All heavy atoms as atom14 arrays in JSON, in Angstrom:
{
  "sequence": "IFIAYVVKRHDSFLLLTCYTLLFTAFLTMWYYAYSSKRVRW",
  "atom14_mask": [
    [1, 1, 1, 1, 1, 1, 1, 1, 0, 0, 0, 0, 0, 0],
    [1, 1, 1, 1, 1, 1, 1, 1, 1, 1, 1, 0, 0, 0],
    [1, 1, 1, 1, 1, 1, 1, 1, 0, 0, 0, 0, 0, 0],
    [1, 1, 1, 1, 1, 0, 0, 0, 0, 0, 0, 0, 0, 0],
    [1, 1, 1, 1, 1, 1, 1, 1, 1, 1, 1, 1, 0, 0],
    [1, 1, 1, 1, 1, 1, 1, 0, 0, 0, 0, 0, 0, 0],
    [1, 1, 1, 1, 1, 1, 1, 0, 0, 0, 0, 0, 0, 0],
    [1, 1, 1, 1, 1, 1, 1, 1, 1, 0, 0, 0, 0, 0],
    [1, 1, 1, 1, 1, 1, 1, 1, 1, 1, 1, 0, 0, 0],
    [1, 1, 1, 1, 1, 1, 1, 1, 1, 1, 0, 0, 0, 0],
    [1, 1, 1, 1, 1, 1, 1, 1, 0, 0, 0, 0, 0, 0],
    [1, 1, 1, 1, 1, 1, 0, 0, 0, 0, 0, 0, 0, 0],
    [1, 1, 1, 1, 1, 1, 1, 1, 1, 1, 1, 0, 0, 0],
    [1, 1, 1, 1, 1, 1, 1, 1, 0, 0, 0, 0, 0, 0],
    [1, 1, 1, 1, 1, 1, 1, 1, 0, 0, 0, 0, 0, 0],
    [1, 1, 1, 1, 1, 1, 1, 1, 0, 0, 0, 0, 0, 0],
    [1, 1, 1, 1, 1, 1, 1, 0, 0, 0, 0, 0, 0, 0],
    [1, 1, 1, 1, 1, 1, 0, 0, 0, 0, 0, 0, 0, 0],
    [1, 1, 1, 1, 1, 1, 1, 1, 1, 1, 1, 1, 0, 0],
    [1, 1, 1, 1, 1, 1, 1, 0, 0, 0, 0, 0, 0, 0],
    [1, 1, 1, 1, 1, 1, 1, 1, 0, 0, 0, 0, 0, 0],
    [1, 1, 1, 1, 1, 1, 1, 1, 0, 0, 0, 0, 0, 0],
    [1, 1, 1, 1, 1, 1, 1, 1, 1, 1, 1, 0, 0, 0],
    [1, 1, 1, 1, 1, 1, 1, 0, 0, 0, 0, 0, 0, 0],
    [1, 1, 1, 1, 1, 0, 0, 0, 0, 0, 0, 0, 0, 0],
    [1, 1, 1, 1, 1, 1, 1, 1, 1, 1, 1, 0, 0, 0],
    [1, 1, 1, 1, 1, 1, 1, 1, 0, 0, 0, 0, 0, 0],
    [1, 1, 1, 1, 1, 1, 1, 0, 0, 0, 0, 0, 0, 0],
    [1, 1, 1, 1, 1, 1, 1, 1, 0, 0, 0, 0, 0, 0],
    [1, 1, 1, 1, 1, 1, 1, 1, 1, 1, 1, 1, 1, 1],
    [1, 1, 1, 1, 1, 1, 1, 1, 1, 1, 1, 1, 0, 0],
    [1, 1, 1, 1, 1, 1, 1, 1, 1, 1, 1, 1, 0, 0],
    [1, 1, 1, 1, 1, 0, 0, 0, 0, 0, 0, 0, 0, 0],
    [1, 1, 1, 1, 1, 1, 1, 1, 1, 1, 1, 1, 0, 0],
    [1, 1, 1, 1, 1, 1, 0, 0, 0, 0, 0, 0, 0, 0],
    [1, 1, 1, 1, 1, 1, 0, 0, 0, 0, 0, 0, 0, 0],
    [1, 1, 1, 1, 1, 1, 1, 1, 1, 0, 0, 0, 0, 0],
    [1, 1, 1, 1, 1, 1, 1, 1, 1, 1, 1, 0, 0, 0],
    [1, 1, 1, 1, 1, 1, 1, 0, 0, 0, 0, 0, 0, 0],
    [1, 1, 1, 1, 1, 1, 1, 1, 1, 1, 1, 0, 0, 0],
    [1, 1, 1, 1, 1, 1, 1, 1, 1, 1, 1, 1, 1, 1]
  ],
  "atom14_positions": [
    [[-16.76, 83.76, 26.35], [-17.62, 84.55, 27.25], [-18.74, 83.68, 27.79], [-19.06, 83.72, 28.99], [-18.17, 85.79, 26.51], [-17.03, 86.77, 26.22], [-19.27, 86.46, 27.32], [-17.44, 87.94, 25.36], [0.0, 0.0, 0.0], [0.0, 0.0, 0.0], [0.0, 0.0, 0.0], [0.0, 0.0, 0.0], [0.0, 0.0, 0.0], [0.0, 0.0, 0.0]],
    [[-19.35, 82.87, 26.93], [-20.46, 82.02, 27.35], [-20.01, 80.98, 28.37], [-20.65, 80.77, 29.41], [-21.07, 81.32, 26.13], [-22.28, 80.5, 26.44], [-23.46, 81.1, 26.88], [-22.25, 79.13, 26.32], [-24.59, 80.35, 27.18], [-23.37, 78.35, 26.6], [-24.54, 78.97, 27.04], [0.0, 0.0, 0.0], [0.0, 0.0, 0.0], [0.0, 0.0, 0.0]],
    [[-18.85, 80.33, 28.12], [-18.34, 79.33, 29.05], [-17.96, 79.96, 30.38], [-18.28, 79.44, 31.46], [-17.13, 78.59, 28.45], [-17.57, 77.72, 27.27], [-16.44, 77.72, 29.5], [-16.42, 77.05, 26.53], [0.0, 0.0, 0.0], [0.0, 0.0, 0.0], [0.0, 0.0, 0.0], [0.0, 0.0, 0.0], [0.0, 0.0, 0.0], [0.0, 0.0, 0.0]],
    [[-17.27, 81.1, 30.32], [-16.75, 81.72, 31.53], [-17.82, 82.36, 32.4], [-17.74, 82.34, 33.64], [-15.7, 82.77, 31.16], [0.0, 0.0, 0.0], [0.0, 0.0, 0.0], [0.0, 0.0, 0.0], [0.0, 0.0, 0.0], [0.0, 0.0, 0.0], [0.0, 0.0, 0.0], [0.0, 0.0, 0.0], [0.0, 0.0, 0.0], [0.0, 0.0, 0.0]],
    [[-18.85, 82.92, 31.78], [-19.83, 83.69, 32.54], [-21.18, 82.99, 32.72], [-22.0, 83.43, 33.54], [-20.07, 85.04, 31.85], [-18.88, 85.97, 31.88], [-17.95, 85.95, 30.84], [-18.67, 86.85, 32.94], [-16.84, 86.8, 30.85], [-17.57, 87.7, 32.95], [-16.66, 87.67, 31.91], [-15.56, 88.5, 31.92], [0.0, 0.0, 0.0], [0.0, 0.0, 0.0]],
    [[-21.42, 81.92, 31.97], [-22.75, 81.29, 32.0], [-22.71, 79.82, 32.38], [-23.41, 79.38, 33.29], [-23.47, 81.46, 30.64], [-24.84, 80.78, 30.68], [-23.62, 82.94, 30.27], [0.0, 0.0, 0.0], [0.0, 0.0, 0.0], [0.0, 0.0, 0.0], [0.0, 0.0, 0.0], [0.0, 0.0, 0.0], [0.0, 0.0, 0.0], [0.0, 0.0, 0.0]],
    [[-21.87, 79.05, 31.7], [-21.89, 77.59, 31.85], [-21.37, 77.18, 33.23], [-20.39, 77.74, 33.73], [-21.04, 76.92, 30.75], [-21.02, 75.4, 30.93], [-21.59, 77.29, 29.38], [0.0, 0.0, 0.0], [0.0, 0.0, 0.0], [0.0, 0.0, 0.0], [0.0, 0.0, 0.0], [0.0, 0.0, 0.0], [0.0, 0.0, 0.0], [0.0, 0.0, 0.0]],
    [[-22.01, 76.18, 33.83], [-21.58, 75.62, 35.1], [-20.79, 74.33, 34.85], [-20.96, 73.68, 33.82], [-22.78, 75.33, 36.0], [-23.66, 76.54, 36.27], [-22.89, 77.64, 36.98], [-23.79, 78.84, 37.27], [-23.03, 79.96, 37.85], [0.0, 0.0, 0.0], [0.0, 0.0, 0.0], [0.0, 0.0, 0.0], [0.0, 0.0, 0.0], [0.0, 0.0, 0.0]],
    [[-19.97, 73.95, 35.82], [-19.12, 72.78, 35.65], [-19.92, 71.5, 35.43], [-19.48, 70.6, 34.71], [-18.21, 72.62, 36.89], [-17.23, 71.48, 36.78], [-16.16, 71.56, 37.84], [-16.7, 71.45, 39.19], [-15.95, 71.43, 40.3], [-14.63, 71.53, 40.19], [-16.5, 71.33, 41.49], [0.0, 0.0, 0.0], [0.0, 0.0, 0.0], [0.0, 0.0, 0.0]],
    [[-21.11, 71.41, 36.03], [-21.91, 70.18, 35.9], [-22.76, 70.15, 34.63], [-23.42, 69.15, 34.35], [-22.81, 70.0, 37.12], [-23.74, 71.15, 37.34], [-23.43, 72.21, 38.18], [-24.98, 71.42, 36.84], [-24.44, 73.06, 38.18], [-25.38, 72.61, 37.37], [0.0, 0.0, 0.0], [0.0, 0.0, 0.0], [0.0, 0.0, 0.0], [0.0, 0.0, 0.0]],
    [[-22.74, 71.23, 33.83], [-23.46, 71.24, 32.55], [-22.61, 70.54, 31.49], [-22.12, 71.16, 30.54], [-23.76, 72.69, 32.13], [-24.7, 73.4, 33.08], [-25.53, 72.71, 33.7], [-24.6, 74.63, 33.22], [0.0, 0.0, 0.0], [0.0, 0.0, 0.0], [0.0, 0.0, 0.0], [0.0, 0.0, 0.0], [0.0, 0.0, 0.0], [0.0, 0.0, 0.0]],
    [[-22.45, 69.24, 31.65], [-21.47, 68.49, 30.86], [-21.69, 68.6, 29.35], [-20.77, 68.92, 28.59], [-21.49, 67.02, 31.26], [-21.19, 66.88, 32.62], [0.0, 0.0, 0.0], [0.0, 0.0, 0.0], [0.0, 0.0, 0.0], [0.0, 0.0, 0.0], [0.0, 0.0, 0.0], [0.0, 0.0, 0.0], [0.0, 0.0, 0.0], [0.0, 0.0, 0.0]],
    [[-22.91, 68.34, 28.9], [-23.18, 68.35, 27.47], [-22.93, 69.73, 26.88], [-22.28, 69.87, 25.83], [-24.61, 67.91, 27.19], [-24.98, 67.95, 25.72], [-24.55, 66.94, 24.87], [-25.73, 69.0, 25.21], [-24.88, 66.98, 23.51], [-26.05, 69.05, 23.86], [-25.63, 68.03, 23.01], [0.0, 0.0, 0.0], [0.0, 0.0, 0.0], [0.0, 0.0, 0.0]],
    [[-23.43, 70.76, 27.53], [-23.25, 72.13, 27.05], [-21.78, 72.51, 27.05], [-21.27, 73.11, 26.09], [-24.06, 73.09, 27.92], [-24.11, 74.56, 27.49], [-24.69, 74.68, 26.08], [-24.94, 75.37, 28.48], [0.0, 0.0, 0.0], [0.0, 0.0, 0.0], [0.0, 0.0, 0.0], [0.0, 0.0, 0.0], [0.0, 0.0, 0.0], [0.0, 0.0, 0.0]],
    [[-21.07, 72.14, 28.12], [-19.66, 72.48, 28.24], [-18.83, 71.81, 27.14], [-18.0, 72.46, 26.48], [-19.14, 72.07, 29.62], [-17.67, 72.36, 29.92], [-17.38, 73.86, 29.83], [-17.3, 71.83, 31.3], [0.0, 0.0, 0.0], [0.0, 0.0, 0.0], [0.0, 0.0, 0.0], [0.0, 0.0, 0.0], [0.0, 0.0, 0.0], [0.0, 0.0, 0.0]],
    [[-19.05, 70.53, 26.93], [-18.27, 69.81, 25.91], [-18.62, 70.25, 24.5], [-17.76, 70.29, 23.62], [-18.49, 68.31, 26.07], [-17.89, 67.66, 27.31], [-18.12, 66.16, 27.29], [-16.4, 67.96, 27.44], [0.0, 0.0, 0.0], [0.0, 0.0, 0.0], [0.0, 0.0, 0.0], [0.0, 0.0, 0.0], [0.0, 0.0, 0.0], [0.0, 0.0, 0.0]],
    [[-19.88, 70.6, 24.27], [-20.28, 71.11, 22.96], [-19.57, 72.42, 22.66], [-19.0, 72.62, 21.56], [-21.8, 71.32, 22.9], [-22.46, 70.07, 23.12], [-22.21, 71.86, 21.53], [0.0, 0.0, 0.0], [0.0, 0.0, 0.0], [0.0, 0.0, 0.0], [0.0, 0.0, 0.0], [0.0, 0.0, 0.0], [0.0, 0.0, 0.0], [0.0, 0.0, 0.0]],
    [[-19.58, 73.32, 23.63], [-18.9, 74.61, 23.46], [-17.4, 74.42, 23.28], [-16.77, 75.09, 22.43], [-19.17, 75.52, 24.67], [-20.86, 76.1, 24.79], [0.0, 0.0, 0.0], [0.0, 0.0, 0.0], [0.0, 0.0, 0.0], [0.0, 0.0, 0.0], [0.0, 0.0, 0.0], [0.0, 0.0, 0.0], [0.0, 0.0, 0.0], [0.0, 0.0, 0.0]],
    [[-16.82, 73.5, 24.05], [-15.38, 73.27, 23.95], [-15.01, 72.68, 22.59], [-13.98, 73.04, 22.0], [-14.92, 72.34, 25.07], [-13.42, 72.24, 25.2], [-12.68, 73.3, 25.72], [-12.74, 71.1, 24.78], [-11.3, 73.21, 25.83], [-11.36, 71.01, 24.88], [-10.65, 72.07, 25.41], [-9.28, 71.99, 25.51], [0.0, 0.0, 0.0], [0.0, 0.0, 0.0]],
    [[-15.84, 71.79, 22.09], [-15.61, 71.21, 20.76], [-15.65, 72.3, 19.68], [-14.81, 72.32, 18.77], [-16.65, 70.13, 20.45], [-16.57, 69.1, 21.45], [-16.41, 69.51, 19.08], [0.0, 0.0, 0.0], [0.0, 0.0, 0.0], [0.0, 0.0, 0.0], [0.0, 0.0, 0.0], [0.0, 0.0, 0.0], [0.0, 0.0, 0.0], [0.0, 0.0, 0.0]],
    [[-16.61, 73.19, 19.77], [-16.69, 74.3, 18.82], [-15.47, 75.22, 18.96], [-14.92, 75.7, 17.96], [-17.98, 75.1, 19.05], [-19.28, 74.37, 18.67], [-20.49, 75.19, 19.11], [-19.33, 74.11, 17.17], [0.0, 0.0, 0.0], [0.0, 0.0, 0.0], [0.0, 0.0, 0.0], [0.0, 0.0, 0.0], [0.0, 0.0, 0.0], [0.0, 0.0, 0.0]],
    [[-15.05, 75.46, 20.19], [-13.86, 76.28, 20.43], [-12.63, 75.65, 19.79], [-11.81, 76.34, 19.16], [-13.61, 76.44, 21.93], [-14.09, 77.7, 22.62], [-13.7, 77.68, 24.1], [-13.54, 78.94, 21.96], [0.0, 0.0, 0.0], [0.0, 0.0, 0.0], [0.0, 0.0, 0.0], [0.0, 0.0, 0.0], [0.0, 0.0, 0.0], [0.0, 0.0, 0.0]],
    [[-12.5, 74.35, 19.96], [-11.33, 73.67, 19.41], [-11.37, 73.67, 17.88], [-10.32, 73.78, 17.23], [-11.26, 72.24, 19.94], [-9.86, 71.81, 20.27], [-9.31, 72.08, 21.51], [-9.08, 71.15, 19.33], [-8.02, 71.71, 21.82], [-7.78, 70.77, 19.62], [-7.25, 71.04, 20.87], [0.0, 0.0, 0.0], [0.0, 0.0, 0.0], [0.0, 0.0, 0.0]],
    [[-12.55, 73.56, 17.33], [-12.7, 73.63, 15.88], [-12.26, 75.0, 15.37], [-11.56, 75.11, 14.35], [-14.15, 73.35, 15.47], [-14.54, 72.06, 15.96], [-14.31, 73.39, 13.95], [0.0, 0.0, 0.0], [0.0, 0.0, 0.0], [0.0, 0.0, 0.0], [0.0, 0.0, 0.0], [0.0, 0.0, 0.0], [0.0, 0.0, 0.0], [0.0, 0.0, 0.0]],
    [[-12.68, 76.05, 16.08], [-12.28, 77.4, 15.7], [-10.76, 77.57, 15.84], [-10.11, 78.21, 14.99], [-13.01, 78.42, 16.57], [0.0, 0.0, 0.0], [0.0, 0.0, 0.0], [0.0, 0.0, 0.0], [0.0, 0.0, 0.0], [0.0, 0.0, 0.0], [0.0, 0.0, 0.0], [0.0, 0.0, 0.0], [0.0, 0.0, 0.0], [0.0, 0.0, 0.0]],
    [[-10.19, 77.0, 16.89], [-8.74, 77.06, 17.11], [-7.99, 76.4, 15.95], [-7.02, 76.97, 15.41], [-8.41, 76.39, 18.45], [-7.01, 75.89, 18.57], [-5.92, 76.75, 18.47], [-6.76, 74.54, 18.82], [-4.61, 76.28, 18.59], [-5.47, 74.07, 18.95], [-4.39, 74.94, 18.84], [0.0, 0.0, 0.0], [0.0, 0.0, 0.0], [0.0, 0.0, 0.0]],
    [[-8.42, 75.23, 15.56], [-7.76, 74.52, 14.45], [-7.92, 75.27, 13.13], [-7.0, 75.29, 12.3], [-8.33, 73.11, 14.32], [-8.05, 72.15, 15.48], [-8.74, 70.82, 15.25], [-6.55, 71.96, 15.68], [0.0, 0.0, 0.0], [0.0, 0.0, 0.0], [0.0, 0.0, 0.0], [0.0, 0.0, 0.0], [0.0, 0.0, 0.0], [0.0, 0.0, 0.0]],
    [[-9.07, 75.91, 12.96], [-9.29, 76.71, 11.74], [-8.32, 77.88, 11.68], [-7.7, 78.15, 10.64], [-10.74, 77.23, 11.72], [-11.65, 76.13, 11.74], [-10.99, 78.06, 10.47], [0.0, 0.0, 0.0], [0.0, 0.0, 0.0], [0.0, 0.0, 0.0], [0.0, 0.0, 0.0], [0.0, 0.0, 0.0], [0.0, 0.0, 0.0], [0.0, 0.0, 0.0]],
    [[-8.17, 78.58, 12.81], [-7.25, 79.72, 12.84], [-5.81, 79.27, 12.65], [-5.02, 79.94, 11.98], [-7.43, 80.48, 14.16], [-8.77, 81.22, 14.25], [-8.96, 82.25, 15.73], [-9.29, 80.99, 16.98], [0.0, 0.0, 0.0], [0.0, 0.0, 0.0], [0.0, 0.0, 0.0], [0.0, 0.0, 0.0], [0.0, 0.0, 0.0], [0.0, 0.0, 0.0]],
    [[-5.45, 78.13, 13.22], [-4.11, 77.58, 13.03], [-3.86, 77.24, 11.55], [-2.81, 77.54, 11.0], [-3.94, 76.34, 13.91], [-2.85, 75.41, 13.49], [-2.98, 74.22, 12.83], [-1.44, 75.59, 13.68], [-1.76, 73.65, 12.6], [-0.79, 74.46, 13.11], [-0.66, 76.58, 14.27], [0.59, 74.31, 13.13], [0.71, 76.43, 14.28], [1.33, 75.31, 13.72]],
    [[-4.86, 76.66, 10.92], [-4.72, 76.23, 9.52], [-4.49, 77.43, 8.59], [-3.7, 77.35, 7.64], [-5.97, 75.46, 9.1], [-5.95, 75.0, 7.66], [-5.19, 73.9, 7.27], [-6.69, 75.68, 6.69], [-5.17, 73.48, 5.94], [-6.68, 75.26, 5.36], [-5.92, 74.17, 5.0], [-5.9, 73.76, 3.69], [0.0, 0.0, 0.0], [0.0, 0.0, 0.0]],
    [[-5.18, 78.52, 8.85], [-5.1, 79.68, 7.96], [-4.04, 80.7, 8.36], [-3.93, 81.76, 7.74], [-6.46, 80.37, 7.87], [-7.46, 79.61, 7.03], [-8.58, 79.04, 7.61], [-7.27, 79.45, 5.66], [-9.51, 78.33, 6.84], [-8.17, 78.75, 4.88], [-9.3, 78.19, 5.49], [-10.2, 77.49, 4.72], [0.0, 0.0, 0.0], [0.0, 0.0, 0.0]],
    [[-3.26, 80.39, 9.4], [-2.2, 81.33, 9.83], [-0.94, 81.09, 9.02], [0.08, 80.63, 9.52], [-1.93, 81.14, 11.32], [0.0, 0.0, 0.0], [0.0, 0.0, 0.0], [0.0, 0.0, 0.0], [0.0, 0.0, 0.0], [0.0, 0.0, 0.0], [0.0, 0.0, 0.0], [0.0, 0.0, 0.0], [0.0, 0.0, 0.0], [0.0, 0.0, 0.0]],
    [[-1.0, 81.4, 7.71], [0.1, 81.08, 6.8], [1.04, 82.25, 6.57], [2.01, 82.14, 5.82], [-0.43, 80.57, 5.46], [-1.53, 81.43, 4.86], [-1.26, 82.67, 4.3], [-2.85, 80.98, 4.88], [-2.25, 83.45, 3.77], [-3.86, 81.76, 4.35], [-3.56, 82.99, 3.79], [-4.57, 83.76, 3.28], [0.0, 0.0, 0.0], [0.0, 0.0, 0.0]],
    [[0.79, 83.41, 7.18], [1.68, 84.56, 7.0], [2.01, 85.16, 8.36], [1.26, 85.01, 9.33], [1.02, 85.63, 6.12], [-0.08, 86.23, 6.79], [0.0, 0.0, 0.0], [0.0, 0.0, 0.0], [0.0, 0.0, 0.0], [0.0, 0.0, 0.0], [0.0, 0.0, 0.0], [0.0, 0.0, 0.0], [0.0, 0.0, 0.0], [0.0, 0.0, 0.0]],
    [[3.15, 85.83, 8.44], [3.58, 86.44, 9.69], [2.6, 87.52, 10.16], [2.39, 87.71, 11.35], [4.98, 87.04, 9.53], [5.0, 88.0, 8.48], [0.0, 0.0, 0.0], [0.0, 0.0, 0.0], [0.0, 0.0, 0.0], [0.0, 0.0, 0.0], [0.0, 0.0, 0.0], [0.0, 0.0, 0.0], [0.0, 0.0, 0.0], [0.0, 0.0, 0.0]],
    [[1.99, 88.21, 9.19], [1.01, 89.24, 9.54], [-0.19, 88.61, 10.25], [-0.69, 89.14, 11.25], [0.56, 89.98, 8.28], [-0.45, 91.09, 8.54], [-0.82, 91.8, 7.25], [-1.85, 92.9, 7.5], [-2.22, 93.6, 6.24], [0.0, 0.0, 0.0], [0.0, 0.0, 0.0], [0.0, 0.0, 0.0], [0.0, 0.0, 0.0], [0.0, 0.0, 0.0]],
    [[-0.65, 87.49, 9.74], [-1.8, 86.83, 10.36], [-1.43, 86.23, 11.71], [-2.23, 86.21, 12.64], [-2.34, 85.75, 9.43], [-3.09, 86.35, 8.26], [-4.01, 85.38, 7.6], [-4.88, 86.07, 6.67], [-5.71, 85.48, 5.84], [-5.77, 84.15, 5.84], [-6.48, 86.17, 5.03], [0.0, 0.0, 0.0], [0.0, 0.0, 0.0], [0.0, 0.0, 0.0]],
    [[-0.21, 85.75, 11.83], [0.24, 85.21, 13.13], [0.21, 86.32, 14.18], [-0.28, 86.12, 15.3], [1.66, 84.61, 13.0], [2.22, 84.28, 14.38], [1.63, 83.36, 12.13], [0.0, 0.0, 0.0], [0.0, 0.0, 0.0], [0.0, 0.0, 0.0], [0.0, 0.0, 0.0], [0.0, 0.0, 0.0], [0.0, 0.0, 0.0], [0.0, 0.0, 0.0]],
    [[0.73, 87.5, 13.82], [0.73, 88.63, 14.76], [-0.7, 89.01, 15.14], [-1.0, 89.28, 16.32], [1.46, 89.83, 14.16], [2.97, 89.65, 14.06], [3.66, 90.97, 13.77], [3.29, 91.48, 12.45], [3.94, 91.2, 11.33], [5.0, 90.4, 11.35], [3.55, 91.72, 10.17], [0.0, 0.0, 0.0], [0.0, 0.0, 0.0], [0.0, 0.0, 0.0]],
    [[-1.58, 89.02, 14.15], [-2.98, 89.37, 14.41], [-3.63, 88.35, 15.33], [-4.38, 88.7, 16.25], [-3.73, 89.45, 13.08], [-5.17, 89.85, 13.24], [-5.65, 91.11, 13.39], [-6.3, 88.97, 13.28], [-7.02, 91.07, 13.5], [-7.44, 89.78, 13.45], [-6.46, 87.59, 13.17], [-8.72, 89.24, 13.53], [-7.73, 87.05, 13.25], [-8.84, 87.87, 13.43]]
  ]
}
């Protein structure tokens, strides 16, 4: 929501910081998706 509605393309540091945090969250969710129930969720 913050990236899509607030951040501008030229806000490089803010954009990359948010993207890095997003990717960290993505990898965390991938790591803990060890059951079919969690995959569906």
